[in-house]
Amino acid sequence: MKLTEWREVDENGYEYHGKGAITIKAEDDRGGSVSLEIRAGEPEDAVFYRDLNGAYSISHAIRLAYEAGKRGETLEYELVKNEEEAV
C-alpha cells in the first residue's frame, strides 16, 4: 500500500493559490487505487461538489487501506511538495 500526498507549496513553504490544496492517492499491491483532492476556496463557497469533492472518496481510501492491511501489505508514505509533480 502506498499513500502519496501532494501539497501545493513553494520553496518557502507557502501554499500556491493562496488558500491551499491537498491531493492524496492510495494504491494497493493489487492495482487498486483511489485519489482524492480537497481545495480550499472561499469559505462561503466550500461545498462538497466543488472544493470538498474529495471528501466523497475518503471512505473508499480507508476501505482500500484496510483491505491491504488485512493482506499484510506494508505501508509506504510519500509527501510531494512540488506543484509540478501533482497528479
Protein backbone atom coordinates (compact mmCIF):
# COMPACT_ATOMS: atom_id res chain seq x y z
CA MET A 1 0.00 0.00 0.00
CA LYS A 2 1.38 3.36 -0.99
CA LEU A 3 -0.04 6.71 0.06
CA THR A 4 1.19 9.72 -1.88
CA GLU A 5 0.29 13.19 -0.66
CA TRP A 6 0.73 16.28 -2.82
CA ARG A 7 0.66 19.72 -1.25
CA GLU A 8 0.84 22.82 -3.37
CA VAL A 9 3.62 24.73 -1.63
CA ASP A 10 6.56 26.75 -2.94
CA GLU A 11 10.22 26.58 -1.89
CA ASN A 12 9.47 28.78 1.15
CA GLY A 13 6.63 26.59 2.38
CA TYR A 14 3.87 28.95 1.24
CA GLU A 15 0.84 27.41 -0.41
CA TYR A 16 0.11 28.13 -4.06
CA HIS A 17 -3.28 29.61 -4.92
CA GLY A 18 -3.38 31.39 -1.57
CA LYS A 19 -5.64 29.04 0.31
CA GLY A 20 -4.09 25.62 -0.19
CA ALA A 21 -4.84 22.27 -1.75
CA ILE A 22 -4.11 18.66 -0.95
CA THR A 23 -4.28 15.57 -3.14
CA ILE A 24 -3.91 12.04 -1.78
CA LYS A 25 -3.60 8.87 -3.83
CA ALA A 26 -3.83 5.42 -2.25
CA GLU A 27 -2.56 2.45 -4.29
CA ASP A 28 -2.51 -1.16 -3.18
CA ASP A 29 -0.31 -4.02 -4.41
CA ARG A 30 -3.20 -5.47 -6.43
CA GLY A 31 -3.53 -2.39 -8.62
CA GLY A 32 -6.47 -0.78 -6.84
CA SER A 33 -6.26 2.96 -6.35
CA VAL A 34 -8.26 5.90 -5.05
CA SER A 35 -7.45 9.60 -5.43
CA LEU A 36 -8.99 12.46 -3.57
CA GLU A 37 -8.46 16.19 -3.70
CA ILE A 38 -9.56 18.98 -1.43
CA ARG A 39 -9.01 22.62 -2.36
CA ALA A 40 -9.63 25.47 -0.01
CA GLY A 41 -11.51 28.25 -1.70
CA GLU A 42 -13.68 30.96 -0.29
CA PRO A 43 -15.33 29.63 2.89
CA GLU A 44 -18.80 30.60 1.73
CA ASP A 45 -18.27 28.58 -1.47
CA ALA A 46 -16.75 25.46 0.11
CA VAL A 47 -19.30 22.81 -0.81
CA PHE A 48 -18.92 19.09 -1.49
CA TYR A 49 -19.46 19.23 -5.24
CA ARG A 50 -16.78 21.92 -5.61
CA ASP A 51 -13.80 22.44 -3.26
CA LEU A 52 -14.53 19.47 -0.98
CA ASN A 53 -15.30 16.92 -3.68
CA GLY A 54 -12.52 14.62 -2.43
CA ALA A 55 -14.44 14.02 0.78
CA TYR A 56 -16.64 11.59 -1.16
CA SER A 57 -13.61 9.32 -1.71
CA ILE A 58 -12.35 9.16 1.88
CA SER A 59 -14.34 6.04 2.76
CA HIS A 60 -13.07 4.28 -0.39
CA ALA A 61 -9.46 5.13 0.52
CA ILE A 62 -9.95 3.84 4.07
CA ARG A 63 -11.50 0.62 2.79
CA LEU A 64 -8.63 0.12 0.31
CA ALA A 65 -6.06 0.65 3.09
CA TYR A 66 -7.93 -1.65 5.48
CA GLU A 67 -8.09 -4.49 2.96
CA ALA A 68 -4.40 -4.03 2.09
CA GLY A 69 -3.54 -4.22 5.80
CA LYS A 70 -5.54 -7.44 6.17
CA ARG A 71 -3.44 -8.94 3.37
CA GLY A 72 -0.26 -7.91 5.20
CA GLU A 73 0.85 -5.19 2.78
CA THR A 74 3.34 -2.73 4.23
CA LEU A 75 2.57 0.97 4.18
CA GLU A 76 4.73 3.39 2.21
CA TYR A 77 4.12 7.14 2.51
CA GLU A 78 5.46 9.86 0.24
CA LEU A 79 4.97 13.63 0.57
CA VAL A 80 5.39 15.66 -2.61
CA LYS A 81 5.59 19.42 -2.12
CA ASN A 82 6.17 20.49 -5.70
CA GLU A 83 3.14 21.68 -7.66
CA GLU A 84 4.58 20.45 -10.99
CA GLU A 85 4.63 16.85 -9.72
CA ALA A 86 0.96 16.78 -8.67
CA VAL A 87 -1.47 14.30 -10.21
